[in-house]
Each structure stands twice: as C-alpha cells, then as structure tokens.
C-alpha cells in the first residue's frame, strides 16, 4: 500500500491484527457462563482469565494493533479499519480483510453487514 510520489503520502503497508470481541450469546447467558475476556480498547489489549482462580497471577495479556469490545458498531469498525484498505484497493493496491474465529460466531454476518441483508 505504499505509493511514492511527490503528491501522495506514504501509506502503512504492514499487516495489522485487529480483534473484535463478541458479546455473550443468549445460550451462554442462559447457562450463566462468566465472561472470561476483558477488553482494553485504549491499550489495544485483551486479558483472558480463568474464572475459577481468585488471583490475577495466571491471567494472559495479549496486545494487538487495535481492539474492539462488543459495543463497537459495524460502522465504527469499517470507518476505523476497513475504509482505508478499500480505498487502497480502488487505487490499484492489493488488500485483504480476513475474518478468523470459531464457527458460528458471526464472521460472515459481520463481513456482509446489514447492507446486504
């Protein structure tokens, strides 16, 4: 995504890892499962813990280029993450938006958005 000319800025062409954590499903809520992921969007971090442990010693902290919690909207994600990628593709550069996650967690629904429903 780098274009070197006097009139155009140099763009970031690095791979970025963006994480969006989904809310608990109705089934998870009905079964009274505890939330085990804590999201820190301002730090770009996610902390995962074992609900059976009382100390913070064994919590795992992961950092990413950006992190979105379950309240993040489709529009917010598109504007902040995907829009520049789409613009670059329309200018002739290669680009890819890859959704990865467990089966049934809404990846296709998130990629298609409400525009195509």
PDB file of N, CA and C in Angstrom:
ATOM      1  N   UNK A   1       0.811  -1.187   0.000  1.00  0.00           N
ATOM      2  CA  UNK A   1       0.000   0.000   0.000  1.00  0.00           C
ATOM      3  C   UNK A   1       0.859   1.257   0.000  1.00  0.00           C
ATOM      4  N   UNK A   2       2.086   1.136  -0.390  1.00  0.00           N
ATOM      5  CA  UNK A   2       2.955   2.296  -0.405  1.00  0.00           C
ATOM      6  C   UNK A   2       2.996   2.867  -1.810  1.00  0.00           C
ATOM      7  N   UNK A   3       2.802   4.142  -1.911  1.00  0.00           N
ATOM      8  CA  UNK A   3       2.844   4.808  -3.202  1.00  0.00           C
ATOM      9  C   UNK A   3       3.771   6.009  -3.044  1.00  0.00           C
ATOM     10  N   UNK A   4       4.886   5.987  -3.755  1.00  0.00           N
ATOM     11  CA  UNK A   4       5.865   7.062  -3.616  1.00  0.00           C
ATOM     12  C   UNK A   4       5.718   8.045  -4.760  1.00  0.00           C
ATOM     13  N   UNK A   5       5.242   9.189  -4.457  1.00  0.00           N
ATOM     14  CA  UNK A   5       5.224  10.289  -5.409  1.00  0.00           C
ATOM     15  C   UNK A   5       5.255  11.572  -4.604  1.00  0.00           C
ATOM     16  N   UNK A   6       5.485  12.659  -5.274  1.00  0.00           N
ATOM     17  CA  UNK A   6       5.595  13.927  -4.555  1.00  0.00           C
ATOM     18  C   UNK A   6       4.263  14.399  -3.985  1.00  0.00           C
ATOM     19  N   UNK A   7       3.157  13.984  -4.589  1.00  0.00           N
ATOM     20  CA  UNK A   7       1.856  14.487  -4.178  1.00  0.00           C
ATOM     21  C   UNK A   7       1.084  13.554  -3.252  1.00  0.00           C
ATOM     22  N   UNK A   8       1.533  12.309  -3.098  1.00  0.00           N
ATOM     23  CA  UNK A   8       0.773  11.355  -2.311  1.00  0.00           C
ATOM     24  C   UNK A   8       1.576  10.890  -1.108  1.00  0.00           C
ATOM     25  N   UNK A   9       0.917  10.760   0.039  1.00  0.00           N
ATOM     26  CA  UNK A   9       1.620  10.316   1.238  1.00  0.00           C
ATOM     27  C   UNK A   9       1.980   8.835   1.167  1.00  0.00           C
ATOM     28  N   UNK A  10       2.984   8.453   1.923  1.00  0.00           N
ATOM     29  CA  UNK A  10       3.360   7.046   2.030  1.00  0.00           C
ATOM     30  C   UNK A  10       2.401   6.396   3.017  1.00  0.00           C
ATOM     31  N   UNK A  11       1.859   5.256   2.616  1.00  0.00           N
ATOM     32  CA  UNK A  11       0.881   4.569   3.447  1.00  0.00           C
ATOM     33  C   UNK A  11       1.537   3.410   4.192  1.00  0.00           C
ATOM     34  N   UNK A  12       0.916   3.020   5.278  1.00  0.00           N
ATOM     35  CA  UNK A  12       1.374   1.889   6.069  1.00  0.00           C
ATOM     36  C   UNK A  12       1.026   0.605   5.328  1.00  0.00           C
ATOM     37  N   UNK A  13       2.030  -0.211   5.031  1.00  0.00           N
ATOM     38  CA  UNK A  13       1.757  -1.441   4.310  1.00  0.00           C
ATOM     39  C   UNK A  13       1.970  -2.676   5.173  1.00  0.00           C
ATOM     40  N   UNK A  14       2.086  -2.502   6.452  1.00  0.00           N
ATOM     41  CA  UNK A  14       2.276  -3.623   7.362  1.00  0.00           C
ATOM     42  C   UNK A  14       0.969  -4.378   7.586  1.00  0.00           C
ATOM     43  N   UNK A  15       1.107  -5.641   7.889  1.00  0.00           N
ATOM     44  CA  UNK A  15      -0.051  -6.426   8.303  1.00  0.00           C
ATOM     45  C   UNK A  15      -0.476  -5.931   9.678  1.00  0.00           C
ATOM     46  N   UNK A  16      -1.758  -5.707   9.831  1.00  0.00           N
ATOM     47  CA  UNK A  16      -2.285  -5.280  11.124  1.00  0.00           C
ATOM     48  C   UNK A  16      -3.234  -6.345  11.645  1.00  0.00           C
ATOM     49  N   UNK A  17      -3.184  -6.587  12.935  1.00  0.00           N
ATOM     50  CA  UNK A  17      -4.085  -7.547  13.562  1.00  0.00           C
ATOM     51  C   UNK A  17      -5.060  -6.761  14.428  1.00  0.00           C
ATOM     52  N   UNK A  18      -6.326  -6.855  14.059  1.00  0.00           N
ATOM     53  CA  UNK A  18      -7.398  -6.147  14.753  1.00  0.00           C
ATOM     54  C   UNK A  18      -8.312  -7.199  15.364  1.00  0.00           C
ATOM     55  N   UNK A  19      -8.685  -7.026  16.618  1.00  0.00           N
ATOM     56  CA  UNK A  19      -9.532  -8.002  17.297  1.00  0.00           C
ATOM     57  C   UNK A  19     -10.842  -7.344  17.703  1.00  0.00           C
ATOM     58  N   UNK A  20     -11.919  -8.053  17.442  1.00  0.00           N
ATOM     59  CA  UNK A  20     -13.238  -7.619  17.897  1.00  0.00           C
ATOM     60  C   UNK A  20     -13.817  -8.750  18.741  1.00  0.00           C
ATOM     61  N   UNK A  21     -14.091  -8.477  19.992  1.00  0.00           N
ATOM     62  CA  UNK A  21     -14.660  -9.488  20.889  1.00  0.00           C
ATOM     63  C   UNK A  21     -16.175  -9.399  20.863  1.00  0.00           C
ATOM     64  N   UNK A  22     -16.805 -10.521  20.663  1.00  0.00           N
ATOM     65  CA  UNK A  22     -18.258 -10.565  20.585  1.00  0.00           C
ATOM     66  C   UNK A  22     -18.872 -10.597  21.982  1.00  0.00           C
ATOM     67  N   UNK A  23     -20.123 -10.210  22.078  1.00  0.00           N
ATOM     68  CA  UNK A  23     -20.817 -10.349  23.364  1.00  0.00           C
ATOM     69  C   UNK A  23     -21.183 -11.812  23.594  1.00  0.00           C
ATOM     70  N   UNK A  24     -21.560 -12.127  24.804  1.00  0.00           N
ATOM     71  CA  UNK A  24     -22.007 -13.486  25.086  1.00  0.00           C
ATOM     72  C   UNK A  24     -23.293 -13.773  24.317  1.00  0.00           C
ATOM     73  N   UNK A  25     -23.418 -15.000  23.847  1.00  0.00           N
ATOM     74  CA  UNK A  25     -24.632 -15.417  23.150  1.00  0.00           C
ATOM     75  C   UNK A  25     -25.759 -15.616  24.163  1.00  0.00           C
ATOM     76  N   UNK A  26     -26.986 -15.699  23.667  1.00  0.00           N
ATOM     77  CA  UNK A  26     -28.129 -15.957  24.549  1.00  0.00           C
ATOM     78  C   UNK A  26     -27.963 -17.276  25.282  1.00  0.00           C
ATOM     79  N   UNK A  27     -27.411 -18.270  24.590  1.00  0.00           N
ATOM     80  CA  UNK A  27     -27.182 -19.584  25.216  1.00  0.00           C
ATOM     81  C   UNK A  27     -26.168 -19.462  26.357  1.00  0.00           C
ATOM     82  N   UNK A  28     -25.119 -18.702  26.130  1.00  0.00           N
ATOM     83  CA  UNK A  28     -24.105 -18.508  27.181  1.00  0.00           C
ATOM     84  C   UNK A  28     -24.694 -17.765  28.369  1.00  0.00           C
ATOM     85  N   UNK A  29     -25.515 -16.765  28.098  1.00  0.00           N
ATOM     86  CA  UNK A  29     -26.155 -16.019  29.188  1.00  0.00           C
ATOM     87  C   UNK A  29     -27.119 -16.900  29.964  1.00  0.00           C
ATOM     88  N   UNK A  30     -27.923 -17.693  29.246  1.00  0.00           N
ATOM     89  CA  UNK A  30     -28.901 -18.574  29.890  1.00  0.00           C
ATOM     90  C   UNK A  30     -28.221 -19.629  30.761  1.00  0.00           C
ATOM     91  N   UNK A  31     -27.035 -20.033  30.353  1.00  0.00           N
ATOM     92  CA  UNK A  31     -26.286 -21.025  31.133  1.00  0.00           C
ATOM     93  C   UNK A  31     -25.446 -20.385  32.233  1.00  0.00           C
ATOM     94  N   UNK A  32     -25.553 -19.070  32.365  1.00  0.00           N
ATOM     95  CA  UNK A  32     -24.843 -18.300  33.394  1.00  0.00           C
ATOM     96  C   UNK A  32     -23.326 -18.444  33.296  1.00  0.00           C
ATOM     97  N   UNK A  33     -22.823 -18.506  32.056  1.00  0.00           N
ATOM     98  CA  UNK A  33     -21.383 -18.528  31.875  1.00  0.00           C
ATOM     99  C   UNK A  33     -20.802 -17.174  32.235  1.00  0.00           C
ATOM    100  N   UNK A  34     -19.636 -17.188  32.842  1.00  0.00           N
ATOM    101  CA  UNK A  34     -18.970 -15.955  33.228  1.00  0.00           C
ATOM    102  C   UNK A  34     -18.120 -15.437  32.069  1.00  0.00           C
ATOM    103  N   UNK A  35     -18.079 -14.131  31.918  1.00  0.00           N
ATOM    104  CA  UNK A  35     -17.229 -13.504  30.900  1.00  0.00           C
ATOM    105  C   UNK A  35     -15.775 -13.693  31.332  1.00  0.00           C
ATOM    106  N   UNK A  36     -14.938 -14.246  30.453  1.00  0.00           N
ATOM    107  CA  UNK A  36     -13.548 -14.519  30.801  1.00  0.00           C
ATOM    108  C   UNK A  36     -12.563 -13.662  30.004  1.00  0.00           C
ATOM    109  N   UNK A  37     -13.076 -12.748  29.215  1.00  0.00           N
ATOM    110  CA  UNK A  37     -12.235 -11.862  28.412  1.00  0.00           C
ATOM    111  C   UNK A  37     -12.519 -10.432  28.817  1.00  0.00           C
ATOM    112  N   UNK A  38     -11.476  -9.708  29.138  1.00  0.00           N
ATOM    113  CA  UNK A  38     -11.605  -8.288  29.447  1.00  0.00           C
ATOM    114  C   UNK A  38     -10.907  -7.510  28.332  1.00  0.00           C
ATOM    115  N   UNK A  39     -11.608  -6.538  27.779  1.00  0.00           N
ATOM    116  CA  UNK A  39     -11.105  -5.802  26.615  1.00  0.00           C
ATOM    117  C   UNK A  39     -10.690  -4.396  27.039  1.00  0.00           C
ATOM    118  N   UNK A  40      -9.520  -3.976  26.574  1.00  0.00           N
ATOM    119  CA  UNK A  40      -8.994  -2.644  26.865  1.00  0.00           C
ATOM    120  C   UNK A  40      -8.715  -1.932  25.539  1.00  0.00           C
ATOM    121  N   UNK A  41      -9.756  -1.362  24.902  1.00  0.00           N
ATOM    122  CA  UNK A  41      -9.571  -0.743  23.581  1.00  0.00           C
ATOM    123  C   UNK A  41      -8.514   0.351  23.554  1.00  0.00           C
ATOM    124  N   UNK A  42      -8.422   1.157  24.589  1.00  0.00           N
ATOM    125  CA  UNK A  42      -7.463   2.263  24.579  1.00  0.00           C
ATOM    126  C   UNK A  42      -6.017   1.774  24.622  1.00  0.00           C
ATOM    127  N   UNK A  43      -5.804   0.575  25.139  1.00  0.00           N
ATOM    128  CA  UNK A  43      -4.455  -0.010  25.199  1.00  0.00           C
ATOM    129  C   UNK A  43      -4.197  -1.011  24.082  1.00  0.00           C
ATOM    130  N   UNK A  44      -5.246  -1.372  23.320  1.00  0.00           N
ATOM    131  CA  UNK A  44      -5.083  -2.386  22.285  1.00  0.00           C
ATOM    132  C   UNK A  44      -4.786  -3.745  22.877  1.00  0.00           C
ATOM    133  N   UNK A  45      -5.417  -4.043  24.010  1.00  0.00           N
ATOM    134  CA  UNK A  45      -5.097  -5.276  24.726  1.00  0.00           C
ATOM    135  C   UNK A  45      -6.351  -6.037  25.146  1.00  0.00           C
ATOM    136  N   UNK A  46      -6.157  -7.341  25.297  1.00  0.00           N
ATOM    137  CA  UNK A  46      -7.197  -8.227  25.788  1.00  0.00           C
ATOM    138  C   UNK A  46      -6.578  -9.081  26.886  1.00  0.00           C
ATOM    139  N   UNK A  47      -7.307  -9.227  27.976  1.00  0.00           N
ATOM    140  CA  UNK A  47      -6.847 -10.061  29.081  1.00  0.00           C
ATOM    141  C   UNK A  47      -7.816 -11.227  29.238  1.00  0.00           C
ATOM    142  N   UNK A  48      -7.268 -12.421  29.304  1.00  0.00           N
ATOM    143  CA  UNK A  48      -8.075 -13.632  29.452  1.00  0.00           C
ATOM    144  C   UNK A  48      -7.737 -14.251  30.796  1.00  0.00           C
ATOM    145  N   UNK A  49      -8.781 -14.680  31.503  1.00  0.00           N
ATOM    146  CA  UNK A  49      -8.535 -15.258  32.819  1.00  0.00           C
ATOM    147  C   UNK A  49      -9.396 -16.486  33.048  1.00  0.00           C
ATOM    148  N   UNK A  50      -8.973 -17.289  34.012  1.00  0.00           N
ATOM    149  CA  UNK A  50      -9.710 -18.470  34.430  1.00  0.00           C
ATOM    150  C   UNK A  50     -10.672 -18.053  35.542  1.00  0.00           C
ATOM    151  N   UNK A  51     -11.974 -18.217  35.343  1.00  0.00           N
ATOM    152  CA  UNK A  51     -12.936 -17.768  36.361  1.00  0.00           C
ATOM    153  C   UNK A  51     -12.856 -18.554  37.664  1.00  0.00           C
ATOM    154  N   UNK A  52     -12.173 -19.684  37.665  1.00  0.00           N
ATOM    155  CA  UNK A  52     -12.050 -20.498  38.879  1.00  0.00           C
ATOM    156  C   UNK A  52     -10.869 -20.066  39.751  1.00  0.00           C
ATOM    157  N   UNK A  53     -10.039 -19.152  39.253  1.00  0.00           N
ATOM    158  CA  UNK A  53      -8.898 -18.682  40.029  1.00  0.00           C
ATOM    159  C   UNK A  53      -9.209 -17.316  40.629  1.00  0.00           C
ATOM    160  N   UNK A  54      -8.759 -17.104  41.845  1.00  0.00           N
ATOM    161  CA  UNK A  54      -9.044 -15.846  42.530  1.00  0.00           C
ATOM    162  C   UNK A  54      -7.937 -14.811  42.359  1.00  0.00           C
ATOM    163  N   UNK A  55      -6.741 -15.244  41.959  1.00  0.00           N
ATOM    164  CA  UNK A  55      -5.631 -14.301  41.805  1.00  0.00           C
ATOM    165  C   UNK A  55      -5.490 -13.898  40.334  1.00  0.00           C
ATOM    166  N   UNK A  56      -4.764 -12.820  40.116  1.00  0.00           N
ATOM    167  CA  UNK A  56      -4.512 -12.346  38.758  1.00  0.00           C
ATOM    168  C   UNK A  56      -3.215 -12.916  38.186  1.00  0.00           C
ATOM    169  N   UNK A  57      -2.567 -13.814  38.910  1.00  0.00           N
ATOM    170  CA  UNK A  57      -1.264 -14.331  38.500  1.00  0.00           C
ATOM    171  C   UNK A  57      -1.286 -15.029  37.149  1.00  0.00           C
ATOM    172  N   UNK A  58      -2.302 -15.801  36.875  1.00  0.00           N
ATOM    173  CA  UNK A  58      -2.333 -16.615  35.656  1.00  0.00           C
ATOM    174  C   UNK A  58      -3.119 -15.980  34.520  1.00  0.00           C
ATOM    175  N   UNK A  59      -3.446 -14.705  34.639  1.00  0.00           N
ATOM    176  CA  UNK A  59      -4.136 -14.035  33.532  1.00  0.00           C
ATOM    177  C   UNK A  59      -3.173 -13.864  32.377  1.00  0.00           C
ATOM    178  N   UNK A  60      -3.712 -13.978  31.182  1.00  0.00           N
ATOM    179  CA  UNK A  60      -2.903 -13.829  29.970  1.00  0.00           C
ATOM    180  C   UNK A  60      -3.271 -12.517  29.293  1.00  0.00           C
ATOM    181  N   UNK A  61      -2.279 -11.723  28.966  1.00  0.00           N
ATOM    182  CA  UNK A  61      -2.497 -10.437  28.320  1.00  0.00           C
ATOM    183  C   UNK A  61      -1.945 -10.500  26.895  1.00  0.00           C
ATOM    184  N   UNK A  62      -2.789 -10.109  25.936  1.00  0.00           N
ATOM    185  CA  UNK A  62      -2.402 -10.095  24.531  1.00  0.00           C
ATOM    186  C   UNK A  62      -2.602  -8.685  23.992  1.00  0.00           C
ATOM    187  N   UNK A  63      -1.632  -8.197  23.231  1.00  0.00           N
ATOM    188  CA  UNK A  63      -1.757  -6.868  22.640  1.00  0.00           C
ATOM    189  C   UNK A  63      -1.834  -6.989  21.120  1.00  0.00           C
ATOM    190  N   UNK A  64      -2.599  -6.058  20.524  1.00  0.00           N
ATOM    191  CA  UNK A  64      -2.855  -6.059  19.085  1.00  0.00           C
ATOM    192  C   UNK A  64      -2.746  -4.625  18.570  1.00  0.00           C
ATOM    193  N   UNK A  65      -2.863  -4.478  17.254  1.00  0.00           N
ATOM    194  CA  UNK A  65      -2.835  -3.143  16.665  1.00  0.00           C
ATOM    195  C   UNK A  65      -4.056  -2.335  17.088  1.00  0.00           C
ATOM    196  N   UNK A  66      -5.190  -3.011  17.250  1.00  0.00           N
ATOM    197  CA  UNK A  66      -6.412  -2.375  17.733  1.00  0.00           C
ATOM    198  C   UNK A  66      -7.324  -3.458  18.299  1.00  0.00           C
ATOM    199  N   UNK A  67      -8.133  -3.067  19.273  1.00  0.00           N
ATOM    200  CA  UNK A  67      -9.059  -3.989  19.921  1.00  0.00           C
ATOM    201  C   UNK A  67     -10.406  -3.297  20.046  1.00  0.00           C
ATOM    202  N   UNK A  68     -11.460  -4.033  19.736  1.00  0.00           N
ATOM    203  CA  UNK A  68     -12.819  -3.513  19.842  1.00  0.00           C
ATOM    204  C   UNK A  68     -13.632  -4.419  20.751  1.00  0.00           C
ATOM    205  N   UNK A  69     -14.416  -3.812  21.616  1.00  0.00           N
ATOM    206  CA  UNK A  69     -15.260  -4.602  22.502  1.00  0.00           C
ATOM    207  C   UNK A  69     -16.599  -4.888  21.842  1.00  0.00           C
ATOM    208  N   UNK A  70     -17.492  -5.518  22.565  1.00  0.00           N
ATOM    209  CA  UNK A  70     -18.770  -5.939  21.986  1.00  0.00           C
ATOM    210  C   UNK A  70     -19.698  -4.775  21.665  1.00  0.00           C
ATOM    211  N   UNK A  71     -19.422  -3.591  22.185  1.00  0.00           N
ATOM    212  CA  UNK A  71     -20.254  -2.421  21.878  1.00  0.00           C
ATOM    213  C   UNK A  71     -19.856  -1.719  20.585  1.00  0.00           C
ATOM    214  N   UNK A  72     -18.737  -2.108  19.998  1.00  0.00           N
ATOM    215  CA  UNK A  72     -18.284  -1.478  18.756  1.00  0.00           C
ATOM    216  C   UNK A  72     -19.278  -1.780  17.635  1.00  0.00           C
ATOM    217  N   UNK A  73     -19.590  -0.760  16.856  1.00  0.00           N
ATOM    218  CA  UNK A  73     -20.552  -0.930  15.769  1.00  0.00           C
ATOM    219  C   UNK A  73     -19.841  -1.330  14.479  1.00  0.00           C
ATOM    220  N   UNK A  74     -20.620  -1.877  13.545  1.00  0.00           N
ATOM    221  CA  UNK A  74     -20.092  -2.201  12.226  1.00  0.00           C
ATOM    222  C   UNK A  74     -19.511  -0.955  11.572  1.00  0.00           C
ATOM    223  N   UNK A  75     -20.237   0.153  11.676  1.00  0.00           N
ATOM    224  CA  UNK A  75     -19.807   1.399  11.046  1.00  0.00           C
ATOM    225  C   UNK A  75     -18.480   1.868  11.633  1.00  0.00           C
ATOM    226  N   UNK A  76     -18.337   1.762  12.943  1.00  0.00           N
ATOM    227  CA  UNK A  76     -17.099   2.172  13.608  1.00  0.00           C
ATOM    228  C   UNK A  76     -15.921   1.334  13.107  1.00  0.00           C
ATOM    229  N   UNK A  77     -16.101   0.024  13.037  1.00  0.00           N
ATOM    230  CA  UNK A  77     -15.034  -0.834  12.542  1.00  0.00           C
ATOM    231  C   UNK A  77     -14.683  -0.513  11.098  1.00  0.00           C
ATOM    232  N   UNK A  78     -15.702  -0.333  10.280  1.00  0.00           N
ATOM    233  CA  UNK A  78     -15.448  -0.030   8.874  1.00  0.00           C
ATOM    234  C   UNK A  78     -14.680   1.292   8.738  1.00  0.00           C
ATOM    235  N   UNK A  79     -15.161   2.319   9.423  1.00  0.00           N
ATOM    236  CA  UNK A  79     -14.527   3.634   9.312  1.00  0.00           C
ATOM    237  C   UNK A  79     -13.087   3.631   9.808  1.00  0.00           C
ATOM    238  N   UNK A  80     -12.826   2.925  10.896  1.00  0.00           N
ATOM    239  CA  UNK A  80     -11.506   2.975  11.521  1.00  0.00           C
ATOM    240  C   UNK A  80     -10.515   1.952  10.981  1.00  0.00           C
ATOM    241  N   UNK A  81     -11.017   0.868  10.369  1.00  0.00           N
ATOM    242  CA  UNK A  81     -10.121  -0.209   9.961  1.00  0.00           C
ATOM    243  C   UNK A  81     -10.180  -0.493   8.464  1.00  0.00           C
ATOM    244  N   UNK A  82     -11.375  -0.626   7.918  1.00  0.00           N
ATOM    245  CA  UNK A  82     -11.527  -1.151   6.567  1.00  0.00           C
ATOM    246  C   UNK A  82     -11.532  -0.072   5.488  1.00  0.00           C
ATOM    247  N   UNK A  83     -12.066   1.084   5.781  1.00  0.00           N
ATOM    248  CA  UNK A  83     -12.224   2.129   4.761  1.00  0.00           C
ATOM    249  C   UNK A  83     -10.915   2.427   4.027  1.00  0.00           C
ATOM    250  N   UNK A  84      -9.819   2.596   4.754  1.00  0.00           N
ATOM    251  CA  UNK A  84      -8.540   2.910   4.099  1.00  0.00           C
ATOM    252  C   UNK A  84      -8.052   1.750   3.247  1.00  0.00           C
ATOM    253  N   UNK A  85      -8.340   0.526   3.675  1.00  0.00           N
ATOM    254  CA  UNK A  85      -7.974  -0.651   2.887  1.00  0.00           C
ATOM    255  C   UNK A  85      -8.745  -0.669   1.572  1.00  0.00           C
ATOM    256  N   UNK A  86     -10.041  -0.418   1.620  1.00  0.00           N
ATOM    257  CA  UNK A  86     -10.871  -0.378   0.416  1.00  0.00           C
ATOM    258  C   UNK A  86     -10.383   0.727  -0.527  1.00  0.00           C
ATOM    259  N   UNK A  87     -10.074   1.881   0.023  1.00  0.00           N
ATOM    260  CA  UNK A  87      -9.563   2.985  -0.801  1.00  0.00           C
ATOM    261  C   UNK A  87      -8.279   2.588  -1.515  1.00  0.00           C
ATOM    262  N   UNK A  88      -7.388   1.907  -0.804  1.00  0.00           N
ATOM    263  CA  UNK A  88      -6.130   1.469  -1.415  1.00  0.00           C
ATOM    264  C   UNK A  88      -6.369   0.460  -2.526  1.00  0.00           C
ATOM    265  N   UNK A  89      -7.309  -0.456  -2.316  1.00  0.00           N
ATOM    266  CA  UNK A  89      -7.629  -1.445  -3.345  1.00  0.00           C
ATOM    267  C   UNK A  89      -8.176  -0.745  -4.589  1.00  0.00           C
ATOM    268  N   UNK A  90      -9.027   0.262  -4.382  1.00  0.00           N
ATOM    269  CA  UNK A  90      -9.583   1.006  -5.511  1.00  0.00           C
ATOM    270  C   UNK A  90      -8.516   1.803  -6.252  1.00  0.00           C
ATOM    271  N   UNK A  91      -7.397   2.081  -5.581  1.00  0.00           N
ATOM    272  CA  UNK A  91      -6.283   2.776  -6.227  1.00  0.00           C
ATOM    273  C   UNK A  91      -5.329   1.804  -6.925  1.00  0.00           C
ATOM    274  N   UNK A  92      -5.624   0.515  -6.844  1.00  0.00           N
ATOM    275  CA  UNK A  92      -4.816  -0.475  -7.543  1.00  0.00           C
ATOM    276  C   UNK A  92      -3.890  -1.296  -6.688  1.00  0.00           C
ATOM    277  N   UNK A  93      -3.916  -1.113  -5.385  1.00  0.00           N
ATOM    278  CA  UNK A  93      -3.060  -1.884  -4.497  1.00  0.00           C
ATOM    279  C   UNK A  93      -3.770  -3.163  -4.066  1.00  0.00           C
ATOM    280  N   UNK A  94      -2.993  -4.136  -3.612  1.00  0.00           N
ATOM    281  CA  UNK A  94      -3.570  -5.361  -3.077  1.00  0.00           C
ATOM    282  C   UNK A  94      -4.017  -5.121  -1.649  1.00  0.00           C
ATOM    283  N   UNK A  95      -5.071  -5.810  -1.242  1.00  0.00           N
ATOM    284  CA  UNK A  95      -5.551  -5.690   0.129  1.00  0.00           C
ATOM    285  C   UNK A  95      -6.373  -6.898   0.511  1.00  0.00           C
ATOM    286  N   UNK A  96      -6.427  -7.181   1.785  1.00  0.00           N
ATOM    287  CA  UNK A  96      -7.187  -8.329   2.268  1.00  0.00           C
ATOM    288  C   UNK A  96      -7.725  -8.027   3.659  1.00  0.00           C
ATOM    289  N   UNK A  97      -8.978  -8.339   3.852  1.00  0.00           N
ATOM    290  CA  UNK A  97      -9.585  -8.268   5.180  1.00  0.00           C
ATOM    291  C   UNK A  97      -9.988  -9.690   5.518  1.00  0.00           C
ATOM    292  N   UNK A  98      -9.353 -10.275   6.497  1.00  0.00           N
ATOM    293  CA  UNK A  98      -9.515 -11.691   6.814  1.00  0.00           C
ATOM    294  C   UNK A  98     -10.193 -11.830   8.168  1.00  0.00           C
ATOM    295  N   UNK A  99     -11.307 -12.537   8.198  1.00  0.00           N
ATOM    296  CA  UNK A  99     -12.016 -12.778   9.462  1.00  0.00           C
ATOM    297  C   UNK A  99     -11.727 -14.197   9.919  1.00  0.00           C
ATOM    298  N   UNK A 100     -11.299 -14.333  11.160  1.00  0.00           N
ATOM    299  CA  UNK A 100     -10.949 -15.639  11.707  1.00  0.00           C
ATOM    300  C   UNK A 100     -11.642 -15.809  13.037  1.00  0.00           C
ATOM    301  N   UNK A 101     -12.173 -16.976  13.273  1.00  0.00           N
ATOM    302  CA  UNK A 101     -12.801 -17.247  14.565  1.00  0.00           C
ATOM    303  C   UNK A 101     -13.577 -18.545  14.542  1.00  0.00           C
ATOM    304  N   UNK A 102     -14.101 -18.897  15.682  1.00  0.00           N
ATOM    305  CA  UNK A 102     -14.841 -20.137  15.848  1.00  0.00           C
ATOM    306  C   UNK A 102     -16.099 -20.147  14.980  1.00  0.00           C
ATOM    307  N   UNK A 103     -16.481 -21.318  14.520  1.00  0.00           N
ATOM    308  CA  UNK A 103     -17.691 -21.482  13.711  1.00  0.00           C
ATOM    309  C   UNK A 103     -18.905 -20.979  14.478  1.00  0.00           C
ATOM    310  N   UNK A 104     -19.741 -20.201  13.787  1.00  0.00           N
ATOM    311  CA  UNK A 104     -20.986 -19.731  14.388  1.00  0.00           C
ATOM    312  C   UNK A 104     -20.867 -18.468  15.219  1.00  0.00           C
ATOM    313  N   UNK A 105     -19.740 -17.767  15.123  1.00  0.00           N
ATOM    314  CA  UNK A 105     -19.559 -16.566  15.946  1.00  0.00           C
ATOM    315  C   UNK A 105     -19.857 -15.265  15.209  1.00  0.00           C
ATOM    316  N   UNK A 106     -20.348 -15.349  13.970  1.00  0.00           N
ATOM    317  CA  UNK A 106     -20.796 -14.147  13.278  1.00  0.00           C
ATOM    318  C   UNK A 106     -19.834 -13.522  12.298  1.00  0.00           C
ATOM    319  N   UNK A 107     -18.816 -14.257  11.860  1.00  0.00           N
ATOM    320  CA  UNK A 107     -17.832 -13.679  10.930  1.00  0.00           C
ATOM    321  C   UNK A 107     -18.480 -13.250   9.611  1.00  0.00           C
ATOM    322  N   UNK A 108     -19.237 -14.143   9.001  1.00  0.00           N
ATOM    323  CA  UNK A 108     -19.867 -13.826   7.714  1.00  0.00           C
ATOM    324  C   UNK A 108     -20.864 -12.691   7.886  1.00  0.00           C
ATOM    325  N   UNK A 109     -21.624 -12.746   8.938  1.00  0.00           N
ATOM    326  CA  UNK A 109     -22.589 -11.685   9.215  1.00  0.00           C
ATOM    327  C   UNK A 109     -21.888 -10.349   9.385  1.00  0.00           C
ATOM    328  N   UNK A 110     -20.759 -10.336  10.070  1.00  0.00           N
ATOM    329  CA  UNK A 110     -20.004  -9.099  10.273  1.00  0.00           C
ATOM    330  C   UNK A 110     -19.429  -8.565   8.968  1.00  0.00           C
ATOM    331  N   UNK A 111     -18.942  -9.453   8.110  1.00  0.00           N
ATOM    332  CA  UNK A 111     -18.350  -9.010   6.855  1.00  0.00           C
ATOM    333  C   UNK A 111     -19.401  -8.501   5.885  1.00  0.00           C
ATOM    334  N   UNK A 112     -20.570  -9.155   5.865  1.00  0.00           N
ATOM    335  CA  UNK A 112     -21.635  -8.758   4.938  1.00  0.00           C
ATOM    336  C   UNK A 112     -22.340  -7.500   5.383  1.00  0.00           C
ATOM    337  N   UNK A 113     -22.445  -7.304   6.677  1.00  0.00           N
ATOM    338  CA  UNK A 113     -23.128  -6.139   7.251  1.00  0.00           C
ATOM    339  C   UNK A 113     -24.607  -6.126   6.886  1.00  0.00           C
ATOM    340  N   UNK A 114     -25.297  -5.129   7.340  1.00  0.00           N
ATOM    341  CA  UNK A 114     -26.745  -5.033   7.102  1.00  0.00           C
ATOM    342  C   UNK A 114     -27.065  -4.544   5.695  1.00  0.00           C
ATOM    343  N   UNK A 115     -26.075  -4.061   4.965  1.00  0.00           N
ATOM    344  CA  UNK A 115     -26.301  -3.560   3.611  1.00  0.00           C
ATOM    345  C   UNK A 115     -26.788  -4.681   2.696  1.00  0.00           C
ATOM    346  N   UNK A 116     -26.276  -5.884   2.902  1.00  0.00           N
ATOM    347  CA  UNK A 116     -26.584  -6.988   2.010  1.00  0.00           C
ATOM    348  C   UNK A 116     -27.698  -7.890   2.512  1.00  0.00           C
ATOM    349  N   UNK A 117     -28.300  -7.569   3.612  1.00  0.00           N
ATOM    350  CA  UNK A 117     -29.358  -8.431   4.166  1.00  0.00           C
ATOM    351  C   UNK A 117     -30.695  -8.095   3.550  1.00  0.00           C
TER     352      UNK A 117
END
